[in-house]
Amino acid sequence: MIPPIADNFVAGETAPEAIERALELDGRGVGTILNLLGEHYERPGPAAEDRDAYVRVIEDLDDAGVEACVSIKPSQLGLDVDESTFRSNLDAVAETAAERDAFVWIDMEDHETTDATLDAFEDLAREHEWCVGVCLQANLKRTRKDLARLIDVPGKFRLVKGAYDEPEDIAYTRKSRVDEEYRELLRYAFANRNRGVGVGSHDPAMIEHASALAAEHGTDFEIQMLMGVRESAQFDLAADHTVYQYVPYGDRWLSYFYRRAAERRENALFAMRAALGV
């Protein structure tokens, strides 16, 4: 059982609890991105188990009549085993999603996984158009080139600031510089495509910036935020925008909860404010 405070950020330990959360959000005009907690499997067995769990939850969501996405970490599907294991497992999940008219997000992990993740996304997006999406991190210096490479790929991308502590030679480390880069990436994205842009941010200034760019260019976009963080703002924004909430679930909730609080100071502040209702 997930204790108080932590249950503000994790939907439960089981898929039915997560689907119940998705149904609640759907009733309030907010979409759901379900993430079964798990990562960095070094053996094929656990990766295959989570692959099968994602297949089942996609089927269960469809049967329940709720429109929701899933989001998967590459190391959860076996990237730490080898790339072929990862690709095989991801292909199986994406195939089910395509059959059920569902959607799969591929999360981004540290910089050592970027190439394998983007290659898998591009191949799947061309095979199953507009069925998959990928996360791009503004703190990585390479991301402008990655975004340019993917701008015409028929899949979505979620722009985030980035939560991993990366080396200074490959990443921007000052918050002001990351914010500047995030703004530039948004400008490029909205100017060069008319759909498939996800704004993964709790920063009101960035959301306002994205809204202005969308109005200027006539681009459809969606706002994505974490469960338990600025939820009242999520419901308010849903009156005028497409909003998705990233909803983790599973029995590995403890490490997720502490990591979210520890990754960055602003994450800890968001968690504290959400818990206190301020």
Protein backbone atom coordinates (compact mmCIF):
# COMPACT_ATOMS: atom_id res chain seq x y z
CA MET A 1 0.00 0.00 0.00
CA ILE A 2 1.31 3.42 -0.96
CA PRO A 3 1.43 5.79 2.04
CA PRO A 4 0.10 9.38 2.17
CA ILE A 5 2.15 12.05 0.33
CA ALA A 6 3.66 9.39 -1.94
CA ASP A 7 0.17 8.49 -3.19
CA ASN A 8 -0.14 12.05 -4.49
CA PHE A 9 2.45 11.13 -7.11
CA VAL A 10 1.79 7.43 -7.81
CA ALA A 11 -1.61 6.03 -8.83
CA GLY A 12 -1.24 2.68 -7.10
CA GLU A 13 0.62 -0.60 -7.30
CA THR A 14 -1.65 -2.29 -9.86
CA ALA A 15 -2.89 -1.69 -13.39
CA PRO A 16 -6.57 -1.54 -12.32
CA GLU A 17 -5.72 1.29 -9.93
CA ALA A 18 -3.90 3.13 -12.71
CA ILE A 19 -6.83 2.65 -15.11
CA GLU A 20 -9.19 3.95 -12.43
CA ARG A 21 -7.03 7.08 -12.21
CA ALA A 22 -7.17 7.41 -16.00
CA LEU A 23 -10.96 7.21 -15.93
CA GLU A 24 -11.12 9.91 -13.23
CA LEU A 25 -8.87 12.21 -15.25
CA ASP A 26 -10.85 11.55 -18.42
CA GLY A 27 -13.97 12.71 -16.60
CA ARG A 28 -12.22 16.00 -15.84
CA GLY A 29 -10.99 16.58 -19.39
CA VAL A 30 -7.37 15.53 -18.82
CA GLY A 31 -5.68 12.69 -20.69
CA THR A 32 -3.40 10.12 -19.10
CA ILE A 33 0.09 8.84 -19.86
CA LEU A 34 0.54 5.64 -17.84
CA ASN A 35 4.02 4.55 -16.80
CA LEU A 36 4.65 1.19 -15.16
CA LEU A 37 7.58 1.90 -12.87
CA GLY A 38 10.73 -0.05 -13.67
CA GLU A 39 14.12 0.51 -15.29
CA HIS A 40 17.69 -0.71 -15.78
CA TYR A 41 16.93 -4.41 -16.09
CA GLU A 42 20.09 -6.36 -16.81
CA ARG A 43 18.34 -9.64 -17.62
CA PRO A 44 15.82 -10.41 -20.39
CA GLY A 45 13.22 -11.90 -18.03
CA PRO A 46 12.09 -8.74 -16.19
CA ALA A 47 12.12 -6.77 -19.45
CA ALA A 48 9.83 -9.35 -21.05
CA GLU A 49 7.51 -9.24 -18.02
CA ASP A 50 7.11 -5.48 -18.31
CA ARG A 51 6.65 -5.76 -22.07
CA ASP A 52 3.74 -8.11 -21.46
CA ALA A 53 2.36 -5.83 -18.73
CA TYR A 54 2.31 -2.90 -21.15
CA VAL A 55 0.58 -4.99 -23.79
CA ARG A 56 -2.10 -5.96 -21.27
CA VAL A 57 -2.66 -2.43 -19.99
CA ILE A 58 -3.06 -1.12 -23.55
CA GLU A 59 -5.68 -3.80 -24.17
CA ASP A 60 -7.39 -3.09 -20.83
CA LEU A 61 -7.51 0.65 -21.51
CA ASP A 62 -9.11 0.01 -24.87
CA ASP A 63 -11.63 -2.38 -23.37
CA ALA A 64 -12.47 0.21 -20.68
CA GLY A 65 -13.08 2.83 -23.36
CA VAL A 66 -10.61 5.33 -21.94
CA GLU A 67 -8.22 7.20 -24.20
CA ALA A 68 -4.81 6.99 -22.57
CA CYS A 69 -1.18 6.59 -23.61
CA VAL A 70 1.64 4.56 -22.12
CA SER A 71 5.21 5.73 -21.60
CA ILE A 72 8.16 3.35 -21.39
CA LYS A 73 11.82 3.69 -20.44
CA PRO A 74 14.21 1.96 -22.87
CA SER A 75 16.16 0.33 -20.04
CA GLN A 76 12.86 -1.12 -18.80
CA LEU A 77 12.48 -3.04 -22.05
CA GLY A 78 16.02 -4.38 -22.05
CA LEU A 79 18.34 -1.73 -23.46
CA ASP A 80 20.83 -2.56 -20.70
CA VAL A 81 20.72 -6.18 -21.90
CA ASP A 82 21.32 -5.30 -25.55
CA GLU A 83 19.74 -3.17 -28.23
CA SER A 84 18.07 -6.07 -30.02
CA THR A 85 16.21 -7.07 -26.83
CA PHE A 86 15.01 -3.51 -26.41
CA ARG A 87 13.89 -3.18 -30.00
CA SER A 88 12.08 -6.53 -30.01
CA ASN A 89 10.16 -5.72 -26.83
CA LEU A 90 9.32 -2.19 -27.93
CA ASP A 91 8.13 -3.48 -31.31
CA ALA A 92 5.68 -5.80 -29.56
CA VAL A 93 4.21 -2.98 -27.47
CA ALA A 94 3.98 -0.64 -30.46
CA GLU A 95 2.30 -3.32 -32.56
CA THR A 96 -0.40 -3.75 -29.93
CA ALA A 97 -0.83 0.01 -29.69
CA ALA A 98 -1.25 0.27 -33.46
CA GLU A 99 -3.85 -2.50 -33.44
CA ARG A 100 -5.79 -0.79 -30.63
CA ASP A 101 -5.41 2.76 -31.95
CA ALA A 102 -3.39 3.63 -28.84
CA PHE A 103 -0.18 5.59 -28.36
CA VAL A 104 3.26 4.79 -26.95
CA TRP A 105 5.70 7.35 -25.59
CA ILE A 106 9.37 6.41 -25.35
CA ASP A 107 10.96 8.13 -22.39
CA MET A 108 14.50 9.46 -22.61
CA GLU A 109 17.11 8.39 -20.09
CA ASP A 110 20.73 9.52 -19.72
CA HIS A 111 22.83 10.62 -22.69
CA GLU A 112 24.34 7.17 -23.25
CA THR A 113 20.94 5.89 -24.41
CA THR A 114 20.02 8.80 -26.69
CA ASP A 115 21.10 7.35 -30.04
CA ALA A 116 19.47 3.95 -29.49
CA THR A 117 16.26 5.62 -28.30
CA LEU A 118 16.00 8.03 -31.22
CA ASP A 119 16.81 5.30 -33.77
CA ALA A 120 14.06 3.09 -32.36
CA PHE A 121 11.57 5.95 -32.35
CA GLU A 122 12.27 6.95 -35.93
CA ASP A 123 11.95 3.40 -37.24
CA LEU A 124 8.70 2.78 -35.37
CA ALA A 125 7.20 6.13 -36.31
CA ARG A 126 7.73 5.40 -40.00
CA GLU A 127 6.22 1.93 -39.56
CA HIS A 128 3.28 3.03 -37.38
CA GLU A 129 2.64 6.67 -38.25
CA TRP A 130 1.53 8.91 -35.37
CA CYS A 131 1.44 5.95 -32.99
CA VAL A 132 4.68 6.66 -31.09
CA GLY A 133 6.45 9.63 -29.53
CA VAL A 134 9.81 10.36 -27.95
CA CYS A 135 11.14 12.69 -25.27
CA LEU A 136 13.82 15.31 -26.06
CA GLN A 137 15.82 17.05 -23.34
CA ALA A 138 16.66 20.73 -23.65
CA ASN A 139 19.70 20.50 -21.40
CA LEU A 140 21.58 18.34 -23.91
CA LYS A 141 23.61 20.37 -26.39
CA ARG A 142 22.86 17.88 -29.15
CA THR A 143 19.08 18.30 -28.98
CA ARG A 144 18.81 21.07 -31.59
CA LYS A 145 20.29 18.70 -34.17
CA ASP A 146 18.13 15.83 -32.94
CA LEU A 147 14.99 17.94 -33.25
CA ALA A 148 15.94 19.02 -36.77
CA ARG A 149 16.50 15.37 -37.69
CA LEU A 150 13.07 14.36 -36.39
CA ILE A 151 11.02 17.35 -37.49
CA ASP A 152 9.44 15.51 -40.44
CA VAL A 153 9.10 12.11 -38.75
CA PRO A 154 5.41 11.14 -38.36
CA GLY A 155 5.47 10.84 -34.58
CA LYS A 156 5.21 13.12 -31.58
CA PHE A 157 7.96 14.52 -29.43
CA ARG A 158 7.80 15.77 -25.85
CA LEU A 159 10.15 18.64 -25.02
CA VAL A 160 11.39 18.65 -21.42
CA LYS A 161 14.15 20.56 -19.68
CA GLY A 162 15.95 17.39 -18.60
CA ALA A 163 16.38 15.83 -15.16
CA TYR A 164 19.63 13.89 -15.44
CA ASP A 165 22.93 15.29 -14.17
CA GLU A 166 24.95 15.18 -17.38
CA PRO A 167 28.61 16.19 -17.95
CA GLU A 168 29.20 19.88 -18.73
CA ASP A 169 30.85 19.09 -22.07
CA ILE A 170 27.58 17.70 -23.44
CA ALA A 171 24.94 19.51 -21.41
CA TYR A 172 23.92 22.97 -20.24
CA THR A 173 24.05 23.05 -16.46
CA ARG A 174 22.82 26.55 -15.61
CA LYS A 175 19.06 26.77 -15.23
CA SER A 176 18.89 30.06 -17.12
CA ARG A 177 20.75 28.52 -20.06
CA VAL A 178 18.48 25.46 -20.09
CA ASP A 179 15.44 27.75 -20.03
CA GLU A 180 16.84 29.71 -22.95
CA GLU A 181 17.43 26.53 -24.93
CA TYR A 182 13.95 25.26 -24.13
CA ARG A 183 12.45 28.43 -25.53
CA GLU A 184 14.50 28.12 -28.72
CA LEU A 185 13.50 24.50 -29.20
CA LEU A 186 9.85 25.45 -28.81
CA ARG A 187 10.24 28.22 -31.39
CA TYR A 188 11.77 25.81 -33.88
CA ALA A 189 9.20 23.10 -33.25
CA PHE A 190 6.15 25.34 -33.60
CA ALA A 191 7.54 27.07 -36.68
CA ASN A 192 8.29 23.80 -38.51
CA ARG A 193 5.38 21.46 -37.85
CA ASN A 194 1.66 21.75 -37.25
CA ARG A 195 1.08 18.77 -34.95
CA GLY A 196 2.71 16.39 -32.53
CA VAL A 197 4.41 18.84 -30.15
CA GLY A 198 4.28 18.01 -26.45
CA VAL A 199 5.28 20.62 -23.88
CA GLY A 200 6.50 18.67 -20.87
CA SER A 201 6.81 21.42 -18.28
CA HIS A 202 5.28 22.73 -15.08
CA ASP A 203 6.80 26.15 -15.69
CA PRO A 204 3.98 28.67 -16.27
CA ALA A 205 6.31 30.90 -18.30
CA MET A 206 7.12 28.08 -20.72
CA ILE A 207 3.48 27.09 -21.07
CA GLU A 208 2.56 30.69 -21.80
CA HIS A 209 5.41 30.89 -24.33
CA ALA A 210 4.19 27.72 -26.04
CA SER A 211 0.61 28.98 -26.15
CA ALA A 212 1.72 32.19 -27.84
CA LEU A 213 3.79 30.28 -30.40
CA ALA A 214 0.91 27.91 -31.11
CA ALA A 215 -1.43 30.83 -31.74
CA GLU A 216 1.13 32.49 -34.00
CA HIS A 217 1.78 29.41 -36.12
CA GLY A 218 -1.55 27.59 -35.87
CA THR A 219 0.12 24.53 -34.36
CA ASP A 220 -1.68 21.90 -32.31
CA PHE A 221 0.15 20.96 -29.12
CA GLU A 222 -0.38 19.29 -25.78
CA ILE A 223 0.75 20.12 -22.26
CA GLN A 224 2.13 17.28 -20.18
CA MET A 225 2.61 17.40 -16.40
CA LEU A 226 3.29 14.93 -13.63
CA MET A 227 0.68 13.48 -11.35
CA GLY A 228 0.66 15.38 -8.08
CA VAL A 229 2.32 18.53 -9.41
CA ARG A 230 0.23 21.68 -10.03
CA GLU A 231 -2.87 19.56 -10.55
CA SER A 232 -5.29 22.46 -10.14
CA ALA A 233 -3.42 24.24 -12.94
CA GLN A 234 -3.72 21.12 -15.09
CA PHE A 235 -7.50 21.11 -14.77
CA ASP A 236 -7.67 24.86 -15.42
CA LEU A 237 -5.48 24.56 -18.51
CA ALA A 238 -7.61 21.70 -19.83
CA ALA A 239 -10.44 24.16 -20.44
CA ASP A 240 -8.47 25.66 -23.34
CA HIS A 241 -5.68 23.18 -24.12
CA THR A 242 -5.02 19.49 -24.56
CA VAL A 243 -3.51 18.38 -21.26
CA TYR A 244 -2.05 15.01 -20.31
CA GLN A 245 -0.99 13.86 -16.86
CA TYR A 246 1.95 11.49 -16.52
CA VAL A 247 0.71 8.81 -14.12
CA PRO A 248 3.20 6.28 -12.66
CA TYR A 249 2.08 3.07 -11.02
CA GLY A 250 3.57 -0.19 -9.80
CA ASP A 251 5.31 -1.73 -6.82
CA ARG A 252 8.57 0.12 -7.51
CA TRP A 253 7.05 3.41 -6.38
CA LEU A 254 9.48 4.13 -3.54
CA SER A 255 12.55 4.73 -5.68
CA TYR A 256 10.50 6.83 -8.11
CA PHE A 257 9.16 9.04 -5.33
CA TYR A 258 12.56 9.72 -3.80
CA ARG A 259 14.26 10.19 -7.16
CA ARG A 260 11.74 12.80 -8.25
CA ALA A 261 12.41 14.75 -5.09
CA ALA A 262 16.19 14.37 -5.35
CA GLU A 263 16.84 14.91 -9.07
CA ARG A 264 16.50 18.66 -9.03
CA ARG A 265 15.76 21.28 -6.41
CA GLU A 266 12.71 22.48 -8.32
CA ASN A 267 11.26 18.95 -8.30
CA ALA A 268 11.56 18.86 -4.52
CA LEU A 269 9.91 22.27 -4.24
CA PHE A 270 7.06 21.20 -6.52
CA ALA A 271 6.58 18.05 -4.41
CA MET A 272 6.52 20.02 -1.17
CA ARG A 273 4.09 22.60 -2.51
CA ALA A 274 1.81 19.92 -3.91
CA ALA A 275 1.83 18.01 -0.64
CA LEU A 276 1.05 21.17 1.32
CA GLY A 277 -1.55 22.34 -1.19
CA VAL A 278 0.17 25.66 -1.89
